[in-house]
Amino acid sequence: MEQLREQIAELTRRLEAEEDRVLRLVIARETVEEILGEAVGLVERLPDEAAGVGSVDVAADGPSSPLGVVTVPQWRPGMKVAVLPRAYQDAVEILVDAGGAMRAGQVAVAMGLPDEAAKREGLRSKLKRLVERGWAREEGPGLFRVTEPVARQVTGQADSRLRDGIASSPGR
Protein backbone atom coordinates (compact mmCIF):
# COMPACT_ATOMS: atom_id res chain seq x y z
CA MET A 1 0.00 0.00 0.00
CA GLU A 2 2.79 2.41 0.94
CA GLN A 3 4.53 1.81 -2.37
CA LEU A 4 1.34 2.63 -4.29
CA ARG A 5 0.92 5.85 -2.28
CA GLU A 6 4.47 6.89 -3.19
CA GLN A 7 3.79 6.17 -6.86
CA ILE A 8 0.56 8.19 -6.70
CA ALA A 9 2.41 11.09 -5.04
CA GLU A 10 5.15 11.01 -7.72
CA LEU A 11 2.60 10.86 -10.54
CA THR A 12 0.68 13.75 -8.94
CA ARG A 13 3.86 15.87 -8.86
CA ARG A 14 4.61 15.03 -12.50
CA LEU A 15 1.03 15.82 -13.50
CA GLU A 16 1.17 19.22 -11.76
CA ALA A 17 4.49 20.02 -13.45
CA GLU A 18 3.06 19.16 -16.88
CA GLU A 19 -0.09 21.18 -16.18
CA ASP A 20 2.11 24.18 -15.28
CA ARG A 21 4.08 23.71 -18.49
CA VAL A 22 0.92 23.59 -20.59
CA LEU A 23 -0.39 26.71 -18.86
CA ARG A 24 2.85 28.58 -19.66
CA LEU A 25 2.61 27.48 -23.30
CA VAL A 26 -1.02 28.65 -23.51
CA ILE A 27 -0.07 32.04 -22.07
CA ALA A 28 2.90 32.32 -24.46
CA ARG A 29 0.71 31.46 -27.44
CA GLU A 30 -1.93 34.00 -26.40
CA THR A 31 0.78 36.66 -26.08
CA VAL A 32 2.20 35.84 -29.52
CA GLU A 33 -1.27 35.90 -31.08
CA GLU A 34 -1.96 39.25 -29.43
CA ILE A 35 1.30 40.77 -30.69
CA LEU A 36 0.98 39.29 -34.18
CA GLY A 37 -2.68 40.21 -34.28
CA GLU A 38 -1.62 43.84 -34.12
CA ALA A 39 0.96 43.19 -36.86
CA VAL A 40 -1.64 41.50 -39.06
CA GLY A 41 -3.76 44.64 -38.87
CA LEU A 42 -0.80 46.58 -40.22
CA VAL A 43 -0.05 44.28 -43.16
CA GLU A 44 -3.54 43.22 -44.20
CA ARG A 45 -4.06 46.42 -46.18
CA LEU A 46 -0.92 47.92 -47.65
CA PRO A 47 -0.80 51.61 -48.54
CA ASP A 48 -1.26 52.47 -52.22
CA GLU A 49 2.36 53.57 -52.68
CA ALA A 50 3.72 50.25 -51.33
CA ALA A 51 1.38 48.05 -53.34
CA GLY A 52 1.66 49.85 -56.64
CA VAL A 53 -1.68 50.22 -58.36
CA GLY A 54 -4.01 49.83 -55.38
CA SER A 55 -4.30 48.28 -51.98
CA VAL A 56 -3.29 44.65 -51.78
CA ASP A 57 -4.56 42.11 -49.32
CA VAL A 58 -1.28 40.40 -48.42
CA ALA A 59 -2.71 37.95 -45.91
CA ALA A 60 -4.92 36.34 -48.56
CA ASP A 61 -2.06 35.90 -51.03
CA GLY A 62 0.28 33.22 -49.83
CA PRO A 63 0.05 30.02 -47.94
CA SER A 64 -1.58 30.82 -44.67
CA SER A 65 0.29 30.45 -41.42
CA PRO A 66 -1.58 29.40 -38.28
CA LEU A 67 -1.61 33.02 -37.16
CA GLY A 68 -2.47 34.51 -40.57
CA VAL A 69 0.77 36.44 -41.18
CA VAL A 70 2.60 36.33 -44.52
CA THR A 71 5.86 38.25 -44.50
CA VAL A 72 6.76 37.56 -48.14
CA PRO A 73 3.65 37.96 -50.27
CA GLN A 74 3.14 36.23 -53.59
CA TRP A 75 4.44 38.56 -56.32
CA ARG A 76 1.93 40.03 -58.77
CA PRO A 77 2.16 42.71 -61.43
CA GLY A 78 2.47 46.20 -60.01
CA MET A 79 3.66 45.00 -56.59
CA LYS A 80 6.69 46.92 -55.37
CA VAL A 81 9.70 45.59 -53.49
CA ALA A 82 8.72 47.85 -50.57
CA VAL A 83 6.16 45.21 -49.46
CA LEU A 84 9.01 42.85 -48.56
CA PRO A 85 10.83 42.79 -45.22
CA ARG A 86 14.12 44.75 -45.33
CA ALA A 87 16.44 41.73 -45.69
CA TYR A 88 14.41 40.47 -48.66
CA GLN A 89 14.43 43.94 -50.25
CA ASP A 90 18.22 44.05 -49.92
CA ALA A 91 18.58 40.60 -51.50
CA VAL A 92 16.33 41.54 -54.44
CA GLU A 93 18.21 44.81 -55.04
CA ILE A 94 21.59 43.04 -54.93
CA LEU A 95 20.37 40.44 -57.44
CA VAL A 96 19.09 43.21 -59.72
CA ASP A 97 22.40 45.09 -59.47
CA ALA A 98 24.33 41.90 -60.30
CA GLY A 99 22.50 41.51 -63.60
CA GLY A 100 23.01 37.75 -63.45
CA ALA A 101 22.56 34.74 -61.22
CA MET A 102 24.32 34.71 -57.87
CA ARG A 103 24.96 32.19 -55.13
CA ALA A 104 23.74 32.78 -51.58
CA GLY A 105 27.31 33.31 -50.37
CA GLN A 106 27.90 36.05 -52.94
CA VAL A 107 24.67 37.79 -51.96
CA ALA A 108 25.62 37.50 -48.26
CA VAL A 109 29.00 39.15 -48.89
CA ALA A 110 27.34 41.90 -50.95
CA MET A 111 24.97 42.50 -48.00
CA GLY A 112 27.97 42.94 -45.72
CA LEU A 113 27.36 39.70 -43.82
CA PRO A 114 30.28 37.54 -42.71
CA ASP A 115 31.09 34.64 -45.03
CA GLU A 116 29.90 31.95 -42.61
CA ALA A 117 27.89 28.81 -43.31
CA ALA A 118 25.07 29.89 -40.97
CA LYS A 119 24.68 33.24 -42.76
CA ARG A 120 24.76 31.60 -46.19
CA GLU A 121 22.15 29.01 -45.19
CA GLY A 122 19.86 31.65 -43.68
CA LEU A 123 20.12 33.74 -46.82
CA ARG A 124 19.65 30.68 -49.05
CA SER A 125 16.38 30.04 -47.21
CA LYS A 126 15.27 33.62 -47.91
CA LEU A 127 16.22 33.31 -51.58
CA LYS A 128 14.27 30.03 -51.86
CA ARG A 129 11.26 31.79 -50.32
CA LEU A 130 11.55 34.55 -52.93
CA VAL A 131 11.55 31.83 -55.60
CA GLU A 132 8.47 30.14 -54.07
CA ARG A 133 6.60 33.45 -54.05
CA GLY A 134 7.50 34.46 -57.63
CA TRP A 135 10.00 37.25 -56.90
CA ALA A 136 13.03 35.29 -58.13
CA ARG A 137 13.96 32.11 -59.92
CA GLU A 138 16.62 29.48 -59.44
CA GLU A 139 18.55 29.12 -62.69
CA GLY A 140 20.52 26.14 -61.49
CA PRO A 141 21.30 24.49 -58.18
CA GLY A 142 22.04 27.39 -55.83
CA LEU A 143 22.01 30.09 -58.54
CA PHE A 144 19.41 32.78 -57.92
CA ARG A 145 18.19 35.64 -60.11
CA VAL A 146 15.18 37.95 -59.87
CA THR A 147 12.44 37.49 -62.43
CA GLU A 148 12.34 39.91 -65.38
CA PRO A 149 9.16 41.72 -64.22
CA VAL A 150 10.67 42.28 -60.75
CA ALA A 151 13.95 43.51 -62.28
CA ARG A 152 12.04 45.97 -64.50
CA GLN A 153 10.04 47.20 -61.52
CA VAL A 154 13.13 47.70 -59.34
CA THR A 155 14.97 49.41 -62.20
CA GLY A 156 11.94 51.69 -62.61
CA GLN A 157 12.17 52.54 -58.92
CA ALA A 158 15.85 53.40 -59.37
CA ASP A 159 15.01 55.68 -62.30
CA SER A 160 12.39 57.52 -60.24
CA ARG A 161 14.86 57.92 -57.36
CA LEU A 162 17.37 59.43 -59.80
CA ARG A 163 14.70 61.86 -61.03
CA ASP A 164 14.04 62.82 -57.40
CA GLY A 165 17.70 63.86 -57.06
CA ILE A 166 18.92 60.73 -55.28
CA ALA A 167 21.66 58.93 -57.15
CA SER A 168 21.25 55.21 -57.56
CA SER A 169 24.07 52.73 -57.61
CA PRO A 170 25.90 52.16 -60.91
CA GLY A 171 24.49 49.54 -63.23
CA ARG A 172 20.83 50.27 -62.57
C-alpha atoms as a PDB file:
ATOM      1  CA  MET A   1       0.000   0.000   0.000  1.00  0.00           C
ATOM      2  CA  GLU A   2       2.788   2.410   0.942  1.00  0.00           C
ATOM      3  CA  GLN A   3       4.531   1.811  -2.370  1.00  0.00           C
ATOM      4  CA  LEU A   4       1.340   2.630  -4.287  1.00  0.00           C
ATOM      5  CA  ARG A   5       0.921   5.854  -2.281  1.00  0.00           C
ATOM      6  CA  GLU A   6       4.475   6.889  -3.187  1.00  0.00           C
ATOM      7  CA  GLN A   7       3.792   6.175  -6.863  1.00  0.00           C
ATOM      8  CA  ILE A   8       0.556   8.187  -6.695  1.00  0.00           C
ATOM      9  CA  ALA A   9       2.406  11.094  -5.036  1.00  0.00           C
ATOM     10  CA  GLU A  10       5.147  11.006  -7.716  1.00  0.00           C
ATOM     11  CA  LEU A  11       2.600  10.856 -10.541  1.00  0.00           C
ATOM     12  CA  THR A  12       0.676  13.747  -8.942  1.00  0.00           C
ATOM     13  CA  ARG A  13       3.863  15.870  -8.857  1.00  0.00           C
ATOM     14  CA  ARG A  14       4.607  15.029 -12.496  1.00  0.00           C
ATOM     15  CA  LEU A  15       1.029  15.821 -13.499  1.00  0.00           C
ATOM     16  CA  GLU A  16       1.173  19.220 -11.758  1.00  0.00           C
ATOM     17  CA  ALA A  17       4.492  20.016 -13.454  1.00  0.00           C
ATOM     18  CA  GLU A  18       3.064  19.162 -16.878  1.00  0.00           C
ATOM     19  CA  GLU A  19      -0.088  21.183 -16.184  1.00  0.00           C
ATOM     20  CA  ASP A  20       2.114  24.177 -15.276  1.00  0.00           C
ATOM     21  CA  ARG A  21       4.084  23.713 -18.492  1.00  0.00           C
ATOM     22  CA  VAL A  22       0.919  23.590 -20.592  1.00  0.00           C
ATOM     23  CA  LEU A  23      -0.392  26.711 -18.860  1.00  0.00           C
ATOM     24  CA  ARG A  24       2.846  28.578 -19.659  1.00  0.00           C
ATOM     25  CA  LEU A  25       2.607  27.481 -23.299  1.00  0.00           C
ATOM     26  CA  VAL A  26      -1.016  28.651 -23.515  1.00  0.00           C
ATOM     27  CA  ILE A  27      -0.067  32.044 -22.074  1.00  0.00           C
ATOM     28  CA  ALA A  28       2.897  32.324 -24.462  1.00  0.00           C
ATOM     29  CA  ARG A  29       0.710  31.464 -27.444  1.00  0.00           C
ATOM     30  CA  GLU A  30      -1.930  34.004 -26.404  1.00  0.00           C
ATOM     31  CA  THR A  31       0.778  36.656 -26.080  1.00  0.00           C
ATOM     32  CA  VAL A  32       2.202  35.839 -29.522  1.00  0.00           C
ATOM     33  CA  GLU A  33      -1.269  35.897 -31.082  1.00  0.00           C
ATOM     34  CA  GLU A  34      -1.957  39.254 -29.432  1.00  0.00           C
ATOM     35  CA  ILE A  35       1.296  40.769 -30.689  1.00  0.00           C
ATOM     36  CA  LEU A  36       0.984  39.287 -34.175  1.00  0.00           C
ATOM     37  CA  GLY A  37      -2.681  40.207 -34.281  1.00  0.00           C
ATOM     38  CA  GLU A  38      -1.618  43.842 -34.116  1.00  0.00           C
ATOM     39  CA  ALA A  39       0.961  43.189 -36.860  1.00  0.00           C
ATOM     40  CA  VAL A  40      -1.645  41.498 -39.056  1.00  0.00           C
ATOM     41  CA  GLY A  41      -3.755  44.636 -38.873  1.00  0.00           C
ATOM     42  CA  LEU A  42      -0.801  46.583 -40.217  1.00  0.00           C
ATOM     43  CA  VAL A  43      -0.047  44.284 -43.161  1.00  0.00           C
ATOM     44  CA  GLU A  44      -3.536  43.219 -44.205  1.00  0.00           C
ATOM     45  CA  ARG A  45      -4.057  46.423 -46.175  1.00  0.00           C
ATOM     46  CA  LEU A  46      -0.917  47.918 -47.647  1.00  0.00           C
ATOM     47  CA  PRO A  47      -0.797  51.612 -48.544  1.00  0.00           C
ATOM     48  CA  ASP A  48      -1.258  52.468 -52.224  1.00  0.00           C
ATOM     49  CA  GLU A  49       2.356  53.571 -52.681  1.00  0.00           C
ATOM     50  CA  ALA A  50       3.718  50.254 -51.329  1.00  0.00           C
ATOM     51  CA  ALA A  51       1.380  48.048 -53.336  1.00  0.00           C
ATOM     52  CA  GLY A  52       1.660  49.849 -56.643  1.00  0.00           C
ATOM     53  CA  VAL A  53      -1.681  50.225 -58.358  1.00  0.00           C
ATOM     54  CA  GLY A  54      -4.010  49.828 -55.383  1.00  0.00           C
ATOM     55  CA  SER A  55      -4.305  48.283 -51.978  1.00  0.00           C
ATOM     56  CA  VAL A  56      -3.287  44.653 -51.783  1.00  0.00           C
ATOM     57  CA  ASP A  57      -4.562  42.105 -49.319  1.00  0.00           C
ATOM     58  CA  VAL A  58      -1.277  40.404 -48.423  1.00  0.00           C
ATOM     59  CA  ALA A  59      -2.707  37.950 -45.914  1.00  0.00           C
ATOM     60  CA  ALA A  60      -4.923  36.345 -48.556  1.00  0.00           C
ATOM     61  CA  ASP A  61      -2.063  35.896 -51.035  1.00  0.00           C
ATOM     62  CA  GLY A  62       0.281  33.224 -49.826  1.00  0.00           C
ATOM     63  CA  PRO A  63       0.053  30.022 -47.943  1.00  0.00           C
ATOM     64  CA  SER A  64      -1.582  30.823 -44.668  1.00  0.00           C
ATOM     65  CA  SER A  65       0.287  30.448 -41.416  1.00  0.00           C
ATOM     66  CA  PRO A  66      -1.578  29.403 -38.279  1.00  0.00           C
ATOM     67  CA  LEU A  67      -1.612  33.022 -37.157  1.00  0.00           C
ATOM     68  CA  GLY A  68      -2.465  34.510 -40.567  1.00  0.00           C
ATOM     69  CA  VAL A  69       0.767  36.441 -41.183  1.00  0.00           C
ATOM     70  CA  VAL A  70       2.601  36.330 -44.519  1.00  0.00           C
ATOM     71  CA  THR A  71       5.865  38.252 -44.498  1.00  0.00           C
ATOM     72  CA  VAL A  72       6.755  37.557 -48.140  1.00  0.00           C
ATOM     73  CA  PRO A  73       3.649  37.956 -50.268  1.00  0.00           C
ATOM     74  CA  GLN A  74       3.144  36.230 -53.587  1.00  0.00           C
ATOM     75  CA  TRP A  75       4.438  38.557 -56.324  1.00  0.00           C
ATOM     76  CA  ARG A  76       1.928  40.027 -58.768  1.00  0.00           C
ATOM     77  CA  PRO A  77       2.158  42.711 -61.426  1.00  0.00           C
ATOM     78  CA  GLY A  78       2.467  46.201 -60.009  1.00  0.00           C
ATOM     79  CA  MET A  79       3.658  44.999 -56.590  1.00  0.00           C
ATOM     80  CA  LYS A  80       6.689  46.916 -55.368  1.00  0.00           C
ATOM     81  CA  VAL A  81       9.698  45.593 -53.489  1.00  0.00           C
ATOM     82  CA  ALA A  82       8.715  47.848 -50.568  1.00  0.00           C
ATOM     83  CA  VAL A  83       6.160  45.211 -49.463  1.00  0.00           C
ATOM     84  CA  LEU A  84       9.015  42.848 -48.562  1.00  0.00           C
ATOM     85  CA  PRO A  85      10.829  42.788 -45.224  1.00  0.00           C
ATOM     86  CA  ARG A  86      14.116  44.754 -45.329  1.00  0.00           C
ATOM     87  CA  ALA A  87      16.442  41.726 -45.691  1.00  0.00           C
ATOM     88  CA  TYR A  88      14.413  40.475 -48.663  1.00  0.00           C
ATOM     89  CA  GLN A  89      14.429  43.945 -50.250  1.00  0.00           C
ATOM     90  CA  ASP A  90      18.215  44.048 -49.915  1.00  0.00           C
ATOM     91  CA  ALA A  91      18.579  40.602 -51.501  1.00  0.00           C
ATOM     92  CA  VAL A  92      16.333  41.545 -54.437  1.00  0.00           C
ATOM     93  CA  GLU A  93      18.206  44.813 -55.036  1.00  0.00           C
ATOM     94  CA  ILE A  94      21.589  43.043 -54.935  1.00  0.00           C
ATOM     95  CA  LEU A  95      20.368  40.439 -57.436  1.00  0.00           C
ATOM     96  CA  VAL A  96      19.089  43.215 -59.716  1.00  0.00           C
ATOM     97  CA  ASP A  97      22.404  45.093 -59.469  1.00  0.00           C
ATOM     98  CA  ALA A  98      24.328  41.900 -60.300  1.00  0.00           C
ATOM     99  CA  GLY A  99      22.498  41.510 -63.599  1.00  0.00           C
ATOM    100  CA  GLY A 100      23.012  37.748 -63.449  1.00  0.00           C
ATOM    101  CA  ALA A 101      22.563  34.742 -61.223  1.00  0.00           C
ATOM    102  CA  MET A 102      24.324  34.707 -57.866  1.00  0.00           C
ATOM    103  CA  ARG A 103      24.964  32.185 -55.130  1.00  0.00           C
ATOM    104  CA  ALA A 104      23.738  32.781 -51.578  1.00  0.00           C
ATOM    105  CA  GLY A 105      27.314  33.305 -50.370  1.00  0.00           C
ATOM    106  CA  GLN A 106      27.902  36.045 -52.942  1.00  0.00           C
ATOM    107  CA  VAL A 107      24.672  37.788 -51.958  1.00  0.00           C
ATOM    108  CA  ALA A 108      25.616  37.505 -48.265  1.00  0.00           C
ATOM    109  CA  VAL A 109      29.001  39.146 -48.888  1.00  0.00           C
ATOM    110  CA  ALA A 110      27.335  41.905 -50.946  1.00  0.00           C
ATOM    111  CA  MET A 111      24.965  42.502 -48.002  1.00  0.00           C
ATOM    112  CA  GLY A 112      27.968  42.944 -45.715  1.00  0.00           C
ATOM    113  CA  LEU A 113      27.362  39.702 -43.821  1.00  0.00           C
ATOM    114  CA  PRO A 114      30.281  37.544 -42.707  1.00  0.00           C
ATOM    115  CA  ASP A 115      31.091  34.642 -45.025  1.00  0.00           C
ATOM    116  CA  GLU A 116      29.904  31.946 -42.611  1.00  0.00           C
ATOM    117  CA  ALA A 117      27.892  28.807 -43.308  1.00  0.00           C
ATOM    118  CA  ALA A 118      25.073  29.888 -40.974  1.00  0.00           C
ATOM    119  CA  LYS A 119      24.682  33.237 -42.755  1.00  0.00           C
ATOM    120  CA  ARG A 120      24.758  31.600 -46.189  1.00  0.00           C
ATOM    121  CA  GLU A 121      22.152  29.015 -45.191  1.00  0.00           C
ATOM    122  CA  GLY A 122      19.864  31.646 -43.679  1.00  0.00           C
ATOM    123  CA  LEU A 123      20.119  33.737 -46.822  1.00  0.00           C
ATOM    124  CA  ARG A 124      19.653  30.681 -49.053  1.00  0.00           C
ATOM    125  CA  SER A 125      16.382  30.044 -47.205  1.00  0.00           C
ATOM    126  CA  LYS A 126      15.271  33.622 -47.910  1.00  0.00           C
ATOM    127  CA  LEU A 127      16.222  33.307 -51.582  1.00  0.00           C
ATOM    128  CA  LYS A 128      14.275  30.034 -51.858  1.00  0.00           C
ATOM    129  CA  ARG A 129      11.256  31.786 -50.315  1.00  0.00           C
ATOM    130  CA  LEU A 130      11.550  34.546 -52.928  1.00  0.00           C
ATOM    131  CA  VAL A 131      11.554  31.828 -55.601  1.00  0.00           C
ATOM    132  CA  GLU A 132       8.474  30.138 -54.072  1.00  0.00           C
ATOM    133  CA  ARG A 133       6.597  33.445 -54.045  1.00  0.00           C
ATOM    134  CA  GLY A 134       7.495  34.457 -57.627  1.00  0.00           C
ATOM    135  CA  TRP A 135       9.999  37.249 -56.899  1.00  0.00           C
ATOM    136  CA  ALA A 136      13.030  35.292 -58.126  1.00  0.00           C
ATOM    137  CA  ARG A 137      13.960  32.112 -59.924  1.00  0.00           C
ATOM    138  CA  GLU A 138      16.620  29.481 -59.438  1.00  0.00           C
ATOM    139  CA  GLU A 139      18.545  29.119 -62.691  1.00  0.00           C
ATOM    140  CA  GLY A 140      20.520  26.135 -61.494  1.00  0.00           C
ATOM    141  CA  PRO A 141      21.295  24.489 -58.184  1.00  0.00           C
ATOM    142  CA  GLY A 142      22.043  27.387 -55.835  1.00  0.00           C
ATOM    143  CA  LEU A 143      22.012  30.094 -58.540  1.00  0.00           C
ATOM    144  CA  PHE A 144      19.407  32.785 -57.917  1.00  0.00           C
ATOM    145  CA  ARG A 145      18.189  35.645 -60.111  1.00  0.00           C
ATOM    146  CA  VAL A 146      15.182  37.955 -59.868  1.00  0.00           C
ATOM    147  CA  THR A 147      12.435  37.491 -62.434  1.00  0.00           C
ATOM    148  CA  GLU A 148      12.337  39.910 -65.376  1.00  0.00           C
ATOM    149  CA  PRO A 149       9.162  41.723 -64.218  1.00  0.00           C
ATOM    150  CA  VAL A 150      10.666  42.284 -60.749  1.00  0.00           C
ATOM    151  CA  ALA A 151      13.947  43.507 -62.284  1.00  0.00           C
ATOM    152  CA  ARG A 152      12.042  45.967 -64.496  1.00  0.00           C
ATOM    153  CA  GLN A 153      10.035  47.204 -61.517  1.00  0.00           C
ATOM    154  CA  VAL A 154      13.132  47.701 -59.345  1.00  0.00           C
ATOM    155  CA  THR A 155      14.971  49.410 -62.200  1.00  0.00           C
ATOM    156  CA  GLY A 156      11.938  51.691 -62.613  1.00  0.00           C
ATOM    157  CA  GLN A 157      12.169  52.544 -58.918  1.00  0.00           C
ATOM    158  CA  ALA A 158      15.845  53.398 -59.366  1.00  0.00           C
ATOM    159  CA  ASP A 159      15.008  55.685 -62.305  1.00  0.00           C
ATOM    160  CA  SER A 160      12.386  57.516 -60.239  1.00  0.00           C
ATOM    161  CA  ARG A 161      14.863  57.918 -57.362  1.00  0.00           C
ATOM    162  CA  LEU A 162      17.370  59.425 -59.796  1.00  0.00           C
ATOM    163  CA  ARG A 163      14.700  61.860 -61.031  1.00  0.00           C
ATOM    164  CA  ASP A 164      14.039  62.824 -57.401  1.00  0.00           C
ATOM    165  CA  GLY A 165      17.695  63.863 -57.057  1.00  0.00           C
ATOM    166  CA  ILE A 166      18.919  60.726 -55.282  1.00  0.00           C
ATOM    167  CA  ALA A 167      21.663  58.928 -57.151  1.00  0.00           C
ATOM    168  CA  SER A 168      21.246  55.206 -57.559  1.00  0.00           C
ATOM    169  CA  SER A 169      24.073  52.726 -57.609  1.00  0.00           C
ATOM    170  CA  PRO A 170      25.900  52.156 -60.913  1.00  0.00           C
ATOM    171  CA  GLY A 171      24.492  49.536 -63.235  1.00  0.00           C
ATOM    172  CA  ARG A 172      20.829  50.265 -62.570  1.00  0.00           C
END
